[in-house]
Amino acid sequence: MRAAAPLTGVIARVREDPAVCPATIRALLHGHRYDGSRATRELGLVYRSLEDTLERVLAWYRARGMVPNPAA
């Protein structure tokens, strides 16, 4: 990956939509860590569980007829 990183910069300049860019390589090599405590503290943001989020998303799509309702 480290050897490929400089090449991705060249490819990104040549191709309009490169599959991999230097930022992607950096993220793969070093990862990302995020801390949402400030958003919780200052904005009152409440994080939901993945299950709750997916249920709410599916309900939204069902209400708009974009996903079939399993009960129907």
PDB file of N, CA and C in Angstrom:
ATOM      1  N   MET A   1       0.818  -1.180   0.000  1.00  0.00           N
ATOM      2  CA  MET A   1       0.000   0.000   0.000  1.00  0.00           C
ATOM      3  C   MET A   1       0.870   1.255   0.000  1.00  0.00           C
ATOM      4  N   ARG A   2       1.905   1.246   0.808  1.00  0.00           N
ATOM      5  CA  ARG A   2       2.765   2.433   0.867  1.00  0.00           C
ATOM      6  C   ARG A   2       3.421   2.701  -0.487  1.00  0.00           C
ATOM      7  N   ALA A   3       3.773   1.635  -1.182  1.00  0.00           N
ATOM      8  CA  ALA A   3       4.402   1.811  -2.492  1.00  0.00           C
ATOM      9  C   ALA A   3       3.392   2.300  -3.526  1.00  0.00           C
ATOM     10  N   ALA A   4       2.133   1.910  -3.367  1.00  0.00           N
ATOM     11  CA  ALA A   4       1.109   2.291  -4.340  1.00  0.00           C
ATOM     12  C   ALA A   4       0.594   3.709  -4.126  1.00  0.00           C
ATOM     13  N   ALA A   5       0.757   4.250  -2.936  1.00  0.00           N
ATOM     14  CA  ALA A   5       0.198   5.568  -2.616  1.00  0.00           C
ATOM     15  C   ALA A   5       0.627   6.666  -3.596  1.00  0.00           C
ATOM     16  N   PRO A   6       1.914   6.800  -3.925  1.00  0.00           N
ATOM     17  CA  PRO A   6       2.293   7.857  -4.881  1.00  0.00           C
ATOM     18  C   PRO A   6       1.671   7.658  -6.263  1.00  0.00           C
ATOM     19  N   LEU A   7       1.501   6.417  -6.672  1.00  0.00           N
ATOM     20  CA  LEU A   7       0.903   6.137  -7.978  1.00  0.00           C
ATOM     21  C   LEU A   7      -0.559   6.558  -8.029  1.00  0.00           C
ATOM     22  N   THR A   8      -1.250   6.446  -6.914  1.00  0.00           N
ATOM     23  CA  THR A   8      -2.666   6.824  -6.922  1.00  0.00           C
ATOM     24  C   THR A   8      -2.841   8.316  -7.173  1.00  0.00           C
ATOM     25  N   GLY A   9      -1.891   9.119  -6.720  1.00  0.00           N
ATOM     26  CA  GLY A   9      -1.953  10.553  -7.002  1.00  0.00           C
ATOM     27  C   GLY A   9      -1.854  10.837  -8.485  1.00  0.00           C
ATOM     28  N   VAL A  10      -0.976  10.120  -9.166  1.00  0.00           N
ATOM     29  CA  VAL A  10      -0.820  10.273 -10.616  1.00  0.00           C
ATOM     30  C   VAL A  10      -2.079   9.801 -11.325  1.00  0.00           C
ATOM     31  N   ILE A  11      -2.591   8.661 -10.909  1.00  0.00           N
ATOM     32  CA  ILE A  11      -3.809   8.118 -11.531  1.00  0.00           C
ATOM     33  C   ILE A  11      -4.980   9.064 -11.313  1.00  0.00           C
ATOM     34  N   ALA A  12      -5.060   9.656 -10.122  1.00  0.00           N
ATOM     35  CA  ALA A  12      -6.163  10.587  -9.818  1.00  0.00           C
ATOM     36  C   ALA A  12      -6.129  11.801 -10.735  1.00  0.00           C
ATOM     37  N   ARG A  13      -4.947  12.213 -11.158  1.00  0.00           N
ATOM     38  CA  ARG A  13      -4.837  13.367 -12.060  1.00  0.00           C
ATOM     39  C   ARG A  13      -5.199  12.992 -13.497  1.00  0.00           C
ATOM     40  N   VAL A  14      -4.962  11.723 -13.864  1.00  0.00           N
ATOM     41  CA  VAL A  14      -5.194  11.270 -15.238  1.00  0.00           C
ATOM     42  C   VAL A  14      -6.646  10.852 -15.458  1.00  0.00           C
ATOM     43  N   ARG A  15      -7.171  10.068 -14.540  1.00  0.00           N
ATOM     44  CA  ARG A  15      -8.540   9.561 -14.677  1.00  0.00           C
ATOM     45  C   ARG A  15      -9.532  10.517 -14.040  1.00  0.00           C
ATOM     46  N   GLU A  16     -10.693  10.598 -14.634  1.00  0.00           N
ATOM     47  CA  GLU A  16     -11.728  11.476 -14.095  1.00  0.00           C
ATOM     48  C   GLU A  16     -12.305  10.928 -12.791  1.00  0.00           C
ATOM     49  N   ASP A  17     -12.457   9.610 -12.706  1.00  0.00           N
ATOM     50  CA  ASP A  17     -13.047   8.986 -11.527  1.00  0.00           C
ATOM     51  C   ASP A  17     -12.172   7.809 -11.080  1.00  0.00           C
ATOM     52  N   PRO A  18     -11.050   8.093 -10.411  1.00  0.00           N
ATOM     53  CA  PRO A  18     -10.160   6.997 -10.009  1.00  0.00           C
ATOM     54  C   PRO A  18     -10.800   6.117  -8.944  1.00  0.00           C
ATOM     55  N   ALA A  19     -10.512   4.818  -8.998  1.00  0.00           N
ATOM     56  CA  ALA A  19     -11.071   3.881  -8.024  1.00  0.00           C
ATOM     57  C   ALA A  19     -10.464   4.095  -6.644  1.00  0.00           C
ATOM     58  N   VAL A  20      -9.201   4.465  -6.596  1.00  0.00           N
ATOM     59  CA  VAL A  20      -8.507   4.661  -5.325  1.00  0.00           C
ATOM     60  C   VAL A  20      -7.743   5.980  -5.394  1.00  0.00           C
ATOM     61  N   CYS A  21      -7.857   6.768  -4.337  1.00  0.00           N
ATOM     62  CA  CYS A  21      -7.143   8.040  -4.293  1.00  0.00           C
ATOM     63  C   CYS A  21      -6.180   8.032  -3.107  1.00  0.00           C
ATOM     64  N   PRO A  22      -5.278   8.985  -3.033  1.00  0.00           N
ATOM     65  CA  PRO A  22      -4.318   9.021  -1.923  1.00  0.00           C
ATOM     66  C   PRO A  22      -4.986   9.055  -0.548  1.00  0.00           C
ATOM     67  N   ALA A  23      -6.112   9.744  -0.419  1.00  0.00           N
ATOM     68  CA  ALA A  23      -6.806   9.800   0.870  1.00  0.00           C
ATOM     69  C   ALA A  23      -7.309   8.423   1.290  1.00  0.00           C
ATOM     70  N   THR A  24      -7.743   7.635   0.319  1.00  0.00           N
ATOM     71  CA  THR A  24      -8.200   6.275   0.617  1.00  0.00           C
ATOM     72  C   THR A  24      -7.040   5.434   1.115  1.00  0.00           C
ATOM     73  N   ILE A  25      -5.899   5.553   0.476  1.00  0.00           N
ATOM     74  CA  ILE A  25      -4.710   4.807   0.901  1.00  0.00           C
ATOM     75  C   ILE A  25      -4.323   5.203   2.332  1.00  0.00           C
ATOM     76  N   ARG A  26      -4.319   6.498   2.619  1.00  0.00           N
ATOM     77  CA  ARG A  26      -3.988   6.949   3.985  1.00  0.00           C
ATOM     78  C   ARG A  26      -4.958   6.366   5.000  1.00  0.00           C
ATOM     79  N   ALA A  27      -6.242   6.365   4.656  1.00  0.00           N
ATOM     80  CA  ALA A  27      -7.244   5.831   5.577  1.00  0.00           C
ATOM     81  C   ALA A  27      -7.032   4.337   5.808  1.00  0.00           C
ATOM     82  N   LEU A  28      -6.691   3.622   4.746  1.00  0.00           N
ATOM     83  CA  LEU A  28      -6.447   2.184   4.893  1.00  0.00           C
ATOM     84  C   LEU A  28      -5.212   1.907   5.734  1.00  0.00           C
ATOM     85  N   LEU A  29      -4.208   2.733   5.590  1.00  0.00           N
ATOM     86  CA  LEU A  29      -2.968   2.528   6.343  1.00  0.00           C
ATOM     87  C   LEU A  29      -3.086   2.960   7.796  1.00  0.00           C
ATOM     88  N   HIS A  30      -3.804   4.032   8.057  1.00  0.00           N
ATOM     89  CA  HIS A  30      -3.814   4.606   9.402  1.00  0.00           C
ATOM     90  C   HIS A  30      -5.160   4.534  10.100  1.00  0.00           C
ATOM     91  N   GLY A  31      -6.219   4.349   9.360  1.00  0.00           N
ATOM     92  CA  GLY A  31      -7.549   4.289   9.949  1.00  0.00           C
ATOM     93  C   GLY A  31      -8.038   5.658  10.390  1.00  0.00           C
ATOM     94  N   HIS A  32      -9.255   5.683  10.854  1.00  0.00           N
ATOM     95  CA  HIS A  32      -9.866   6.913  11.349  1.00  0.00           C
ATOM     96  C   HIS A  32     -10.503   6.627  12.691  1.00  0.00           C
ATOM     97  N   ARG A  33     -10.428   7.585  13.559  1.00  0.00           N
ATOM     98  CA  ARG A  33     -11.125   7.490  14.834  1.00  0.00           C
ATOM     99  C   ARG A  33     -11.913   8.774  15.021  1.00  0.00           C
ATOM    100  N   TYR A  34     -13.152   8.604  15.396  1.00  0.00           N
ATOM    101  CA  TYR A  34     -14.014   9.755  15.595  1.00  0.00           C
ATOM    102  C   TYR A  34     -14.556   9.730  17.013  1.00  0.00           C
ATOM    103  N   ASP A  35     -14.696  10.894  17.587  1.00  0.00           N
ATOM    104  CA  ASP A  35     -15.244  11.032  18.925  1.00  0.00           C
ATOM    105  C   ASP A  35     -16.425  11.979  18.841  1.00  0.00           C
ATOM    106  N   GLY A  36     -17.606  11.468  19.118  1.00  0.00           N
ATOM    107  CA  GLY A  36     -18.803  12.279  19.023  1.00  0.00           C
ATOM    108  C   GLY A  36     -19.215  12.924  20.332  1.00  0.00           C
ATOM    109  N   SER A  37     -18.350  12.878  21.330  1.00  0.00           N
ATOM    110  CA  SER A  37     -18.733  13.410  22.636  1.00  0.00           C
ATOM    111  C   SER A  37     -19.008  14.917  22.592  1.00  0.00           C
ATOM    112  N   ARG A  38     -18.293  15.643  21.777  1.00  0.00           N
ATOM    113  CA  ARG A  38     -18.526  17.086  21.689  1.00  0.00           C
ATOM    114  C   ARG A  38     -19.909  17.375  21.107  1.00  0.00           C
ATOM    115  N   ALA A  39     -20.299  16.631  20.064  1.00  0.00           N
ATOM    116  CA  ALA A  39     -21.624  16.812  19.476  1.00  0.00           C
ATOM    117  C   ALA A  39     -22.713  16.482  20.490  1.00  0.00           C
ATOM    118  N   THR A  40     -22.473  15.453  21.296  1.00  0.00           N
ATOM    119  CA  THR A  40     -23.431  15.105  22.342  1.00  0.00           C
ATOM    120  C   THR A  40     -23.497  16.206  23.389  1.00  0.00           C
ATOM    121  N   ARG A  41     -22.358  16.652  23.800  1.00  0.00           N
ATOM    122  CA  ARG A  41     -22.263  17.661  24.864  1.00  0.00           C
ATOM    123  C   ARG A  41     -22.821  19.014  24.424  1.00  0.00           C
ATOM    124  N   GLU A  42     -22.413  19.483  23.257  1.00  0.00           N
ATOM    125  CA  GLU A  42     -22.770  20.835  22.833  1.00  0.00           C
ATOM    126  C   GLU A  42     -24.065  20.936  22.037  1.00  0.00           C
ATOM    127  N   LEU A  43     -24.410  19.886  21.339  1.00  0.00           N
ATOM    128  CA  LEU A  43     -25.595  19.935  20.483  1.00  0.00           C
ATOM    129  C   LEU A  43     -26.733  19.038  20.964  1.00  0.00           C
ATOM    130  N   GLY A  44     -26.432  18.199  21.948  1.00  0.00           N
ATOM    131  CA  GLY A  44     -27.447  17.279  22.448  1.00  0.00           C
ATOM    132  C   GLY A  44     -27.719  16.117  21.516  1.00  0.00           C
ATOM    133  N   LEU A  45     -26.781  15.819  20.647  1.00  0.00           N
ATOM    134  CA  LEU A  45     -26.940  14.716  19.700  1.00  0.00           C
ATOM    135  C   LEU A  45     -27.078  13.401  20.448  1.00  0.00           C
ATOM    136  N   VAL A  46     -28.057  12.610  20.033  1.00  0.00           N
ATOM    137  CA  VAL A  46     -28.270  11.298  20.644  1.00  0.00           C
ATOM    138  C   VAL A  46     -28.008  10.252  19.568  1.00  0.00           C
ATOM    139  N   TYR A  47     -27.086   9.358  19.835  1.00  0.00           N
ATOM    140  CA  TYR A  47     -26.765   8.298  18.885  1.00  0.00           C
ATOM    141  C   TYR A  47     -27.743   7.157  19.058  1.00  0.00           C
ATOM    142  N   ARG A  48     -28.173   6.598  17.944  1.00  0.00           N
ATOM    143  CA  ARG A  48     -29.096   5.455  17.955  1.00  0.00           C
ATOM    144  C   ARG A  48     -28.316   4.191  17.624  1.00  0.00           C
ATOM    145  N   SER A  49     -28.886   3.070  18.024  1.00  0.00           N
ATOM    146  CA  SER A  49     -28.264   1.791  17.682  1.00  0.00           C
ATOM    147  C   SER A  49     -28.442   1.545  16.184  1.00  0.00           C
ATOM    148  N   LEU A  50     -27.622   0.690  15.635  1.00  0.00           N
ATOM    149  CA  LEU A  50     -27.726   0.351  14.216  1.00  0.00           C
ATOM    150  C   LEU A  50     -29.096  -0.258  13.921  1.00  0.00           C
ATOM    151  N   GLU A  51     -29.549  -1.143  14.799  1.00  0.00           N
ATOM    152  CA  GLU A  51     -30.850  -1.792  14.596  1.00  0.00           C
ATOM    153  C   GLU A  51     -31.976  -0.757  14.544  1.00  0.00           C
ATOM    154  N   ASP A  52     -31.972   0.193  15.480  1.00  0.00           N
ATOM    155  CA  ASP A  52     -33.001   1.232  15.503  1.00  0.00           C
ATOM    156  C   ASP A  52     -32.935   2.085  14.242  1.00  0.00           C
ATOM    157  N   THR A  53     -31.745   2.431  13.841  1.00  0.00           N
ATOM    158  CA  THR A  53     -31.569   3.248  12.643  1.00  0.00           C
ATOM    159  C   THR A  53     -32.112   2.530  11.413  1.00  0.00           C
ATOM    160  N   LEU A  54     -31.774   1.254  11.258  1.00  0.00           N
ATOM    161  CA  LEU A  54     -32.249   0.494  10.095  1.00  0.00           C
ATOM    162  C   LEU A  54     -33.762   0.339  10.111  1.00  0.00           C
ATOM    163  N   GLU A  55     -34.339   0.113  11.294  1.00  0.00           N
ATOM    164  CA  GLU A  55     -35.799   0.016  11.394  1.00  0.00           C
ATOM    165  C   GLU A  55     -36.454   1.325  10.959  1.00  0.00           C
ATOM    166  N   ARG A  56     -35.904   2.454  11.396  1.00  0.00           N
ATOM    167  CA  ARG A  56     -36.465   3.755  11.042  1.00  0.00           C
ATOM    168  C   ARG A  56     -36.312   4.034   9.543  1.00  0.00           C
ATOM    169  N   VAL A  57     -35.182   3.664   8.976  1.00  0.00           N
ATOM    170  CA  VAL A  57     -34.962   3.866   7.534  1.00  0.00           C
ATOM    171  C   VAL A  57     -35.956   3.032   6.734  1.00  0.00           C
ATOM    172  N   LEU A  58     -36.118   1.759   7.101  1.00  0.00           N
ATOM    173  CA  LEU A  58     -37.068   0.895   6.384  1.00  0.00           C
ATOM    174  C   LEU A  58     -38.495   1.406   6.524  1.00  0.00           C
ATOM    175  N   ALA A  59     -38.860   1.890   7.713  1.00  0.00           N
ATOM    176  CA  ALA A  59     -40.205   2.446   7.914  1.00  0.00           C
ATOM    177  C   ALA A  59     -40.408   3.653   7.006  1.00  0.00           C
ATOM    178  N   TRP A  60     -39.393   4.490   6.868  1.00  0.00           N
ATOM    179  CA  TRP A  60     -39.478   5.666   6.003  1.00  0.00           C
ATOM    180  C   TRP A  60     -39.705   5.250   4.551  1.00  0.00           C
ATOM    181  N   TYR A  61     -38.923   4.261   4.087  1.00  0.00           N
ATOM    182  CA  TYR A  61     -39.078   3.776   2.710  1.00  0.00           C
ATOM    183  C   TYR A  61     -40.447   3.122   2.509  1.00  0.00           C
ATOM    184  N   ARG A  62     -40.908   2.325   3.489  1.00  0.00           N
ATOM    185  CA  ARG A  62     -42.208   1.681   3.375  1.00  0.00           C
ATOM    186  C   ARG A  62     -43.321   2.710   3.302  1.00  0.00           C
ATOM    187  N   ALA A  63     -43.233   3.765   4.120  1.00  0.00           N
ATOM    188  CA  ALA A  63     -44.264   4.798   4.129  1.00  0.00           C
ATOM    189  C   ALA A  63     -44.376   5.488   2.780  1.00  0.00           C
ATOM    190  N   ARG A  64     -43.333   5.474   2.017  1.00  0.00           N
ATOM    191  CA  ARG A  64     -43.337   6.107   0.696  1.00  0.00           C
ATOM    192  C   ARG A  64     -43.501   5.101  -0.441  1.00  0.00           C
ATOM    193  N   GLY A  65     -43.781   3.843  -0.085  1.00  0.00           N
ATOM    194  CA  GLY A  65     -44.018   2.813  -1.095  1.00  0.00           C
ATOM    195  C   GLY A  65     -42.773   2.392  -1.854  1.00  0.00           C
ATOM    196  N   MET A  66     -41.606   2.662  -1.283  1.00  0.00           N
ATOM    197  CA  MET A  66     -40.367   2.331  -1.979  1.00  0.00           C
ATOM    198  C   MET A  66     -39.862   0.936  -1.625  1.00  0.00           C
ATOM    199  N   VAL A  67     -40.385   0.376  -0.532  1.00  0.00           N
ATOM    200  CA  VAL A  67     -40.034  -0.979  -0.100  1.00  0.00           C
ATOM    201  C   VAL A  67     -41.346  -1.659   0.251  1.00  0.00           C
ATOM    202  N   PRO A  68     -41.562  -2.897  -0.212  1.00  0.00           N
ATOM    203  CA  PRO A  68     -42.826  -3.563   0.108  1.00  0.00           C
ATOM    204  C   PRO A  68     -42.961  -3.809   1.612  1.00  0.00           C
ATOM    205  N   ASN A  69     -44.188  -3.700   2.090  1.00  0.00           N
ATOM    206  CA  ASN A  69     -44.477  -3.944   3.491  1.00  0.00           C
ATOM    207  C   ASN A  69     -44.612  -5.451   3.692  1.00  0.00           C
ATOM    208  N   PRO A  70     -43.837  -6.056   4.598  1.00  0.00           N
ATOM    209  CA  PRO A  70     -43.880  -7.507   4.764  1.00  0.00           C
ATOM    210  C   PRO A  70     -45.218  -7.984   5.328  1.00  0.00           C
ATOM    211  N   ALA A  71     -45.970  -7.108   6.012  1.00  0.00           N
ATOM    212  CA  ALA A  71     -47.254  -7.499   6.601  1.00  0.00           C
ATOM    213  C   ALA A  71     -48.368  -7.562   5.547  1.00  0.00           C
ATOM    214  N   ALA A  72     -48.132  -6.947   4.410  1.00  0.00           N
ATOM    215  CA  ALA A  72     -49.183  -6.887   3.376  1.00  0.00           C
ATOM    216  C   ALA A  72     -49.309  -8.174   2.606  1.00  0.00           C
TER     217      ALA A  72
END
